[in-house]
């Protein structure tokens, strides 16, 4: 989450959608951050279905979306709806999985969350996964399908400009235990984590299309 802070300082309406365990509050500096999730966990400020955003048009400065797009059956419809809720110049900050060959291997080994690269992510009415009613169902191909075709994405949602779109993370994701942090991990000191960051940056620059496990993207309302 740390990279998001530069876009959030001083903003009045900052909302994380699908906050999960609520880790954003550990890293986001903005005190007005509101944590929302489809499940009413004790740490959640408000139960919100990302498929039916309850905010007034033009009222939100920033939506934080960390690993939720691949859980949305209609991601394009979500992005269009979120754009309507943003103030002019507002942003959607996205941290997501990237379906590279390395991620496919890890998903097969863990036997969690599949993918469908044939999903039509640019049809707002199409459903990109079979179990659309289950918030834990997933299609891990969704982020790559959306953001590897940036021109098609911005044509499909003209209210949003793609300001940042980059691959990231190789070792950081498995070292952390993944989103649910259920895998056994070894707590690493800060110097070791910095080494992981350096390794990841090198690996992504050399072979990101094969090794990257994450993608960062910023969509800004025009």
C-alpha atoms as a PDB file:
ATOM      1  CA  UNK A   1       0.000   0.000   0.000  1.00  0.00           C
ATOM      2  CA  UNK A   2       2.873   2.395   0.600  1.00  0.00           C
ATOM      3  CA  UNK A   3       3.106   3.568  -3.020  1.00  0.00           C
ATOM      4  CA  UNK A   4      -0.481   4.837  -2.821  1.00  0.00           C
ATOM      5  CA  UNK A   5       0.194   7.469  -0.162  1.00  0.00           C
ATOM      6  CA  UNK A   6       1.432  10.162  -2.538  1.00  0.00           C
ATOM      7  CA  UNK A   7      -1.992  10.176  -4.211  1.00  0.00           C
ATOM      8  CA  UNK A   8      -3.984  10.294  -0.956  1.00  0.00           C
ATOM      9  CA  UNK A   9      -2.402  12.929   1.271  1.00  0.00           C
ATOM     10  CA  UNK A  10      -4.851  15.720   2.100  1.00  0.00           C
ATOM     11  CA  UNK A  11      -7.843  14.014   0.452  1.00  0.00           C
ATOM     12  CA  UNK A  12     -11.210  14.089   2.238  1.00  0.00           C
ATOM     13  CA  UNK A  13     -12.991  11.024   0.856  1.00  0.00           C
ATOM     14  CA  UNK A  14     -10.750   7.949   0.584  1.00  0.00           C
ATOM     15  CA  UNK A  15     -12.426   4.545   0.388  1.00  0.00           C
ATOM     16  CA  UNK A  16     -10.898   1.086   0.235  1.00  0.00           C
ATOM     17  CA  UNK A  17     -13.182  -1.454  -1.396  1.00  0.00           C
ATOM     18  CA  UNK A  18     -12.804  -5.092  -0.401  1.00  0.00           C
ATOM     19  CA  UNK A  19     -10.468  -4.298   2.490  1.00  0.00           C
ATOM     20  CA  UNK A  20     -10.222  -7.926   3.644  1.00  0.00           C
ATOM     21  CA  UNK A  21      -8.126  -8.017   6.815  1.00  0.00           C
ATOM     22  CA  UNK A  22      -7.953  -4.230   6.948  1.00  0.00           C
ATOM     23  CA  UNK A  23      -4.206  -3.964   6.421  1.00  0.00           C
ATOM     24  CA  UNK A  24      -4.487  -0.656   4.550  1.00  0.00           C
ATOM     25  CA  UNK A  25      -4.867   1.190   7.834  1.00  0.00           C
ATOM     26  CA  UNK A  26      -1.373   0.004   8.829  1.00  0.00           C
ATOM     27  CA  UNK A  27       0.219   1.709   5.811  1.00  0.00           C
ATOM     28  CA  UNK A  28      -2.028   4.517   4.527  1.00  0.00           C
ATOM     29  CA  UNK A  29      -1.278   7.844   6.195  1.00  0.00           C
ATOM     30  CA  UNK A  30      -4.577   9.572   5.436  1.00  0.00           C
ATOM     31  CA  UNK A  31      -6.669   9.549   8.661  1.00  0.00           C
ATOM     32  CA  UNK A  32      -9.909   9.786   6.667  1.00  0.00           C
ATOM     33  CA  UNK A  33      -9.460   6.386   5.052  1.00  0.00           C
ATOM     34  CA  UNK A  34     -12.640   4.321   5.273  1.00  0.00           C
ATOM     35  CA  UNK A  35     -12.407   0.535   5.130  1.00  0.00           C
ATOM     36  CA  UNK A  36     -15.271  -1.223   3.367  1.00  0.00           C
ATOM     37  CA  UNK A  37     -15.936  -4.835   2.500  1.00  0.00           C
ATOM     38  CA  UNK A  38     -18.811  -7.033   1.394  1.00  0.00           C
ATOM     39  CA  UNK A  39     -18.433  -8.796   4.766  1.00  0.00           C
ATOM     40  CA  UNK A  40     -19.155  -6.822   7.950  1.00  0.00           C
ATOM     41  CA  UNK A  41     -15.920  -7.629   9.799  1.00  0.00           C
ATOM     42  CA  UNK A  42     -15.403  -5.819  13.149  1.00  0.00           C
ATOM     43  CA  UNK A  43     -12.697  -3.569  11.651  1.00  0.00           C
ATOM     44  CA  UNK A  44     -14.797  -2.542   8.651  1.00  0.00           C
ATOM     45  CA  UNK A  45     -16.245   0.980   8.718  1.00  0.00           C
ATOM     46  CA  UNK A  46     -19.048   0.152   6.309  1.00  0.00           C
ATOM     47  CA  UNK A  47     -20.338  -2.953   4.530  1.00  0.00           C
ATOM     48  CA  UNK A  48     -20.248  -2.152   0.803  1.00  0.00           C
ATOM     49  CA  UNK A  49     -20.870  -4.285  -2.271  1.00  0.00           C
ATOM     50  CA  UNK A  50     -18.408  -3.124  -4.940  1.00  0.00           C
ATOM     51  CA  UNK A  51     -21.011  -4.082  -7.514  1.00  0.00           C
ATOM     52  CA  UNK A  52     -23.491  -1.543  -6.091  1.00  0.00           C
ATOM     53  CA  UNK A  53     -21.521   1.449  -4.832  1.00  0.00           C
ATOM     54  CA  UNK A  54     -23.658   3.515  -2.425  1.00  0.00           C
ATOM     55  CA  UNK A  55     -21.835   6.851  -2.840  1.00  0.00           C
ATOM     56  CA  UNK A  56     -23.190  10.024  -4.409  1.00  0.00           C
ATOM     57  CA  UNK A  57     -21.916  10.925  -7.860  1.00  0.00           C
ATOM     58  CA  UNK A  58     -18.789  13.085  -7.739  1.00  0.00           C
ATOM     59  CA  UNK A  59     -18.239  12.557  -3.996  1.00  0.00           C
ATOM     60  CA  UNK A  60     -15.123  10.350  -3.682  1.00  0.00           C
ATOM     61  CA  UNK A  61     -11.483  11.438  -4.019  1.00  0.00           C
ATOM     62  CA  UNK A  62      -9.989   7.959  -4.266  1.00  0.00           C
ATOM     63  CA  UNK A  63     -10.955   4.311  -4.344  1.00  0.00           C
ATOM     64  CA  UNK A  64      -8.329   1.803  -3.196  1.00  0.00           C
ATOM     65  CA  UNK A  65      -8.684  -1.583  -4.894  1.00  0.00           C
ATOM     66  CA  UNK A  66      -6.176  -4.109  -3.614  1.00  0.00           C
ATOM     67  CA  UNK A  67      -6.727  -7.542  -5.135  1.00  0.00           C
ATOM     68  CA  UNK A  68     -10.459  -7.156  -5.716  1.00  0.00           C
ATOM     69  CA  UNK A  69     -10.772  -6.768  -9.507  1.00  0.00           C
ATOM     70  CA  UNK A  70     -10.145 -10.465 -10.074  1.00  0.00           C
ATOM     71  CA  UNK A  71     -13.096 -11.185  -7.755  1.00  0.00           C
ATOM     72  CA  UNK A  72     -15.566  -9.037  -9.728  1.00  0.00           C
ATOM     73  CA  UNK A  73     -17.774 -10.795 -12.259  1.00  0.00           C
ATOM     74  CA  UNK A  74     -18.242  -7.575 -14.269  1.00  0.00           C
ATOM     75  CA  UNK A  75     -15.047  -5.539 -13.814  1.00  0.00           C
ATOM     76  CA  UNK A  76     -15.736  -3.074 -16.641  1.00  0.00           C
ATOM     77  CA  UNK A  77     -19.162  -2.226 -15.221  1.00  0.00           C
ATOM     78  CA  UNK A  78     -17.500  -1.673 -11.836  1.00  0.00           C
ATOM     79  CA  UNK A  79     -14.889   0.707 -13.284  1.00  0.00           C
ATOM     80  CA  UNK A  80     -17.538   2.730 -15.093  1.00  0.00           C
ATOM     81  CA  UNK A  81     -19.636   2.969 -11.920  1.00  0.00           C
ATOM     82  CA  UNK A  82     -16.619   3.937  -9.805  1.00  0.00           C
ATOM     83  CA  UNK A  83     -15.717   6.660 -12.313  1.00  0.00           C
ATOM     84  CA  UNK A  84     -19.158   8.192 -11.793  1.00  0.00           C
ATOM     85  CA  UNK A  85     -18.630   8.357  -8.017  1.00  0.00           C
ATOM     86  CA  UNK A  86     -15.239  10.086  -8.309  1.00  0.00           C
ATOM     87  CA  UNK A  87     -14.685  13.813  -8.112  1.00  0.00           C
ATOM     88  CA  UNK A  88     -13.012  15.349 -11.186  1.00  0.00           C
ATOM     89  CA  UNK A  89      -9.351  14.331 -10.967  1.00  0.00           C
ATOM     90  CA  UNK A  90     -10.179  11.526  -8.517  1.00  0.00           C
ATOM     91  CA  UNK A  91      -8.328   8.231  -8.770  1.00  0.00           C
ATOM     92  CA  UNK A  92      -8.781   4.480  -8.598  1.00  0.00           C
ATOM     93  CA  UNK A  93      -5.580   3.002  -7.165  1.00  0.00           C
ATOM     94  CA  UNK A  94      -5.189  -0.638  -8.120  1.00  0.00           C
ATOM     95  CA  UNK A  95      -2.857  -3.341  -6.824  1.00  0.00           C
ATOM     96  CA  UNK A  96      -3.571  -6.675  -8.474  1.00  0.00           C
ATOM     97  CA  UNK A  97      -2.325 -10.114  -9.410  1.00  0.00           C
ATOM     98  CA  UNK A  98      -0.628 -10.569 -12.783  1.00  0.00           C
ATOM     99  CA  UNK A  99      -1.296 -13.857 -14.558  1.00  0.00           C
ATOM    100  CA  UNK A 100       2.205 -14.730 -15.732  1.00  0.00           C
ATOM    101  CA  UNK A 101       3.505 -18.302 -16.146  1.00  0.00           C
ATOM    102  CA  UNK A 102       5.025 -18.079 -12.652  1.00  0.00           C
ATOM    103  CA  UNK A 103       1.691 -17.142 -11.071  1.00  0.00           C
ATOM    104  CA  UNK A 104      -0.036 -20.000 -12.895  1.00  0.00           C
ATOM    105  CA  UNK A 105       2.459 -22.424 -11.355  1.00  0.00           C
ATOM    106  CA  UNK A 106       1.892 -20.998  -7.859  1.00  0.00           C
ATOM    107  CA  UNK A 107      -1.895 -21.116  -8.242  1.00  0.00           C
ATOM    108  CA  UNK A 108      -1.737 -24.736  -9.367  1.00  0.00           C
ATOM    109  CA  UNK A 109       0.538 -25.686  -6.476  1.00  0.00           C
ATOM    110  CA  UNK A 110      -1.733 -23.995  -3.929  1.00  0.00           C
ATOM    111  CA  UNK A 111      -4.915 -25.168  -5.654  1.00  0.00           C
ATOM    112  CA  UNK A 112      -6.597 -21.813  -5.148  1.00  0.00           C
ATOM    113  CA  UNK A 113      -8.215 -19.311  -7.512  1.00  0.00           C
ATOM    114  CA  UNK A 114      -8.296 -20.340 -11.136  1.00  0.00           C
ATOM    115  CA  UNK A 115      -8.320 -18.291 -14.319  1.00  0.00           C
ATOM    116  CA  UNK A 116     -10.154 -17.975 -17.615  1.00  0.00           C
ATOM    117  CA  UNK A 117      -8.192 -16.114 -20.274  1.00  0.00           C
ATOM    118  CA  UNK A 118     -11.166 -16.348 -22.641  1.00  0.00           C
ATOM    119  CA  UNK A 119     -13.337 -14.045 -20.540  1.00  0.00           C
ATOM    120  CA  UNK A 120     -14.631 -10.983 -22.399  1.00  0.00           C
ATOM    121  CA  UNK A 121     -13.631  -8.286 -19.917  1.00  0.00           C
ATOM    122  CA  UNK A 122     -14.580  -5.486 -22.330  1.00  0.00           C
ATOM    123  CA  UNK A 123     -18.239  -6.508 -22.534  1.00  0.00           C
ATOM    124  CA  UNK A 124     -19.884  -4.741 -19.563  1.00  0.00           C
ATOM    125  CA  UNK A 125     -22.767  -7.216 -19.582  1.00  0.00           C
ATOM    126  CA  UNK A 126     -20.653 -10.386 -19.771  1.00  0.00           C
ATOM    127  CA  UNK A 127     -19.812 -12.305 -16.605  1.00  0.00           C
ATOM    128  CA  UNK A 128     -16.132 -13.130 -16.302  1.00  0.00           C
ATOM    129  CA  UNK A 129     -16.508 -16.019 -13.872  1.00  0.00           C
ATOM    130  CA  UNK A 130     -18.993 -18.818 -13.350  1.00  0.00           C
ATOM    131  CA  UNK A 131     -19.694 -18.412  -9.625  1.00  0.00           C
ATOM    132  CA  UNK A 132     -20.551 -14.735  -9.845  1.00  0.00           C
ATOM    133  CA  UNK A 133     -22.582 -14.593  -6.634  1.00  0.00           C
ATOM    134  CA  UNK A 134     -19.730 -15.758  -4.402  1.00  0.00           C
ATOM    135  CA  UNK A 135     -17.415 -12.910  -3.274  1.00  0.00           C
ATOM    136  CA  UNK A 136     -14.558 -15.434  -2.989  1.00  0.00           C
ATOM    137  CA  UNK A 137     -14.901 -16.701  -6.565  1.00  0.00           C
ATOM    138  CA  UNK A 138     -12.120 -15.461  -8.808  1.00  0.00           C
ATOM    139  CA  UNK A 139     -10.751 -15.176 -12.307  1.00  0.00           C
ATOM    140  CA  UNK A 140      -7.084 -14.286 -11.955  1.00  0.00           C
ATOM    141  CA  UNK A 141      -6.834 -13.429 -15.654  1.00  0.00           C
ATOM    142  CA  UNK A 142      -9.009 -10.305 -15.302  1.00  0.00           C
ATOM    143  CA  UNK A 143      -6.288  -7.753 -14.422  1.00  0.00           C
ATOM    144  CA  UNK A 144      -3.970  -8.888 -17.215  1.00  0.00           C
ATOM    145  CA  UNK A 145      -6.814  -8.930 -19.752  1.00  0.00           C
ATOM    146  CA  UNK A 146      -7.796  -5.377 -18.787  1.00  0.00           C
ATOM    147  CA  UNK A 147      -4.457  -3.659 -18.392  1.00  0.00           C
ATOM    148  CA  UNK A 148      -2.448  -5.365 -21.109  1.00  0.00           C
ATOM    149  CA  UNK A 149      -4.782  -3.630 -23.595  1.00  0.00           C
ATOM    150  CA  UNK A 150      -4.695  -0.046 -22.270  1.00  0.00           C
ATOM    151  CA  UNK A 151      -6.109   1.623 -25.375  1.00  0.00           C
ATOM    152  CA  UNK A 152      -9.107  -0.686 -25.401  1.00  0.00           C
ATOM    153  CA  UNK A 153      -9.615  -0.094 -21.683  1.00  0.00           C
ATOM    154  CA  UNK A 154      -9.698   3.694 -21.982  1.00  0.00           C
ATOM    155  CA  UNK A 155     -12.008   3.476 -24.999  1.00  0.00           C
ATOM    156  CA  UNK A 156     -14.364   1.273 -23.006  1.00  0.00           C
ATOM    157  CA  UNK A 157     -14.361   3.647 -19.998  1.00  0.00           C
ATOM    158  CA  UNK A 158     -13.732   7.087 -21.538  1.00  0.00           C
ATOM    159  CA  UNK A 159     -14.246   8.893 -18.231  1.00  0.00           C
ATOM    160  CA  UNK A 160     -10.971   7.380 -16.958  1.00  0.00           C
ATOM    161  CA  UNK A 161      -7.399   7.983 -18.073  1.00  0.00           C
ATOM    162  CA  UNK A 162      -4.793   5.294 -17.398  1.00  0.00           C
ATOM    163  CA  UNK A 163      -2.077   7.268 -15.643  1.00  0.00           C
ATOM    164  CA  UNK A 164       0.143   4.432 -14.397  1.00  0.00           C
ATOM    165  CA  UNK A 165       0.351   0.796 -15.468  1.00  0.00           C
ATOM    166  CA  UNK A 166       3.310  -1.316 -14.397  1.00  0.00           C
ATOM    167  CA  UNK A 167       4.300  -4.824 -13.408  1.00  0.00           C
ATOM    168  CA  UNK A 168       5.725  -5.464  -9.945  1.00  0.00           C
ATOM    169  CA  UNK A 169       6.481  -8.125  -7.316  1.00  0.00           C
ATOM    170  CA  UNK A 170       8.143 -11.478  -7.788  1.00  0.00           C
ATOM    171  CA  UNK A 171       9.362 -12.764  -4.436  1.00  0.00           C
ATOM    172  CA  UNK A 172       7.448 -10.251  -2.311  1.00  0.00           C
ATOM    173  CA  UNK A 173       4.075 -11.920  -2.873  1.00  0.00           C
ATOM    174  CA  UNK A 174       5.034 -15.499  -1.835  1.00  0.00           C
ATOM    175  CA  UNK A 175       7.294 -14.226   0.980  1.00  0.00           C
ATOM    176  CA  UNK A 176       4.295 -12.410   2.473  1.00  0.00           C
ATOM    177  CA  UNK A 177       2.165 -15.551   2.390  1.00  0.00           C
ATOM    178  CA  UNK A 178      -0.156 -14.114  -0.215  1.00  0.00           C
ATOM    179  CA  UNK A 179      -3.274 -12.043   0.296  1.00  0.00           C
ATOM    180  CA  UNK A 180      -4.717 -14.304   2.979  1.00  0.00           C
ATOM    181  CA  UNK A 181      -1.322 -14.851   4.623  1.00  0.00           C
ATOM    182  CA  UNK A 182      -2.154 -18.506   5.335  1.00  0.00           C
ATOM    183  CA  UNK A 183       1.089 -19.932   3.986  1.00  0.00           C
ATOM    184  CA  UNK A 184       3.925 -20.522   6.463  1.00  0.00           C
ATOM    185  CA  UNK A 185       6.341 -17.607   6.288  1.00  0.00           C
ATOM    186  CA  UNK A 186       9.566 -16.506   7.961  1.00  0.00           C
ATOM    187  CA  UNK A 187       9.443 -12.956   9.379  1.00  0.00           C
ATOM    188  CA  UNK A 188      12.170 -10.993   7.628  1.00  0.00           C
ATOM    189  CA  UNK A 189      14.058  -7.954   8.969  1.00  0.00           C
ATOM    190  CA  UNK A 190      13.803  -4.680   7.072  1.00  0.00           C
ATOM    191  CA  UNK A 191      17.201  -5.081   5.392  1.00  0.00           C
ATOM    192  CA  UNK A 192      16.124  -8.449   3.986  1.00  0.00           C
ATOM    193  CA  UNK A 193      12.855  -7.009   2.694  1.00  0.00           C
ATOM    194  CA  UNK A 194      14.811  -4.268   0.935  1.00  0.00           C
ATOM    195  CA  UNK A 195      16.894  -6.992  -0.709  1.00  0.00           C
ATOM    196  CA  UNK A 196      13.664  -8.665  -1.851  1.00  0.00           C
ATOM    197  CA  UNK A 197      12.481  -5.348  -3.311  1.00  0.00           C
ATOM    198  CA  UNK A 198      15.765  -4.926  -5.185  1.00  0.00           C
ATOM    199  CA  UNK A 199      15.625  -8.478  -6.537  1.00  0.00           C
ATOM    200  CA  UNK A 200      12.013  -7.994  -7.627  1.00  0.00           C
ATOM    201  CA  UNK A 201      12.799  -4.750  -9.465  1.00  0.00           C
ATOM    202  CA  UNK A 202      15.606  -6.478 -11.374  1.00  0.00           C
ATOM    203  CA  UNK A 203      13.531  -9.562 -12.170  1.00  0.00           C
ATOM    204  CA  UNK A 204      10.582  -7.497 -13.406  1.00  0.00           C
ATOM    205  CA  UNK A 205      12.807  -5.360 -15.622  1.00  0.00           C
ATOM    206  CA  UNK A 206      14.452  -8.442 -17.149  1.00  0.00           C
ATOM    207  CA  UNK A 207      11.521 -10.855 -17.468  1.00  0.00           C
ATOM    208  CA  UNK A 208       8.368  -9.232 -16.117  1.00  0.00           C
ATOM    209  CA  UNK A 209       6.050 -10.954 -18.595  1.00  0.00           C
ATOM    210  CA  UNK A 210       7.183 -14.311 -17.200  1.00  0.00           C
ATOM    211  CA  UNK A 211       7.932 -13.613 -13.550  1.00  0.00           C
ATOM    212  CA  UNK A 212       5.897 -10.646 -12.274  1.00  0.00           C
ATOM    213  CA  UNK A 213       3.142 -11.590  -9.840  1.00  0.00           C
ATOM    214  CA  UNK A 214       1.617  -8.134  -9.441  1.00  0.00           C
ATOM    215  CA  UNK A 215       0.467  -5.078 -11.336  1.00  0.00           C
ATOM    216  CA  UNK A 216      -0.012  -1.487 -10.168  1.00  0.00           C
ATOM    217  CA  UNK A 217      -2.366   0.802 -12.032  1.00  0.00           C
ATOM    218  CA  UNK A 218      -3.873   4.245 -11.581  1.00  0.00           C
ATOM    219  CA  UNK A 219      -7.033   5.337 -13.333  1.00  0.00           C
ATOM    220  CA  UNK A 220      -7.812   9.050 -13.019  1.00  0.00           C
ATOM    221  CA  UNK A 221     -11.147  10.680 -13.769  1.00  0.00           C
ATOM    222  CA  UNK A 222     -10.810  13.100 -16.643  1.00  0.00           C
END
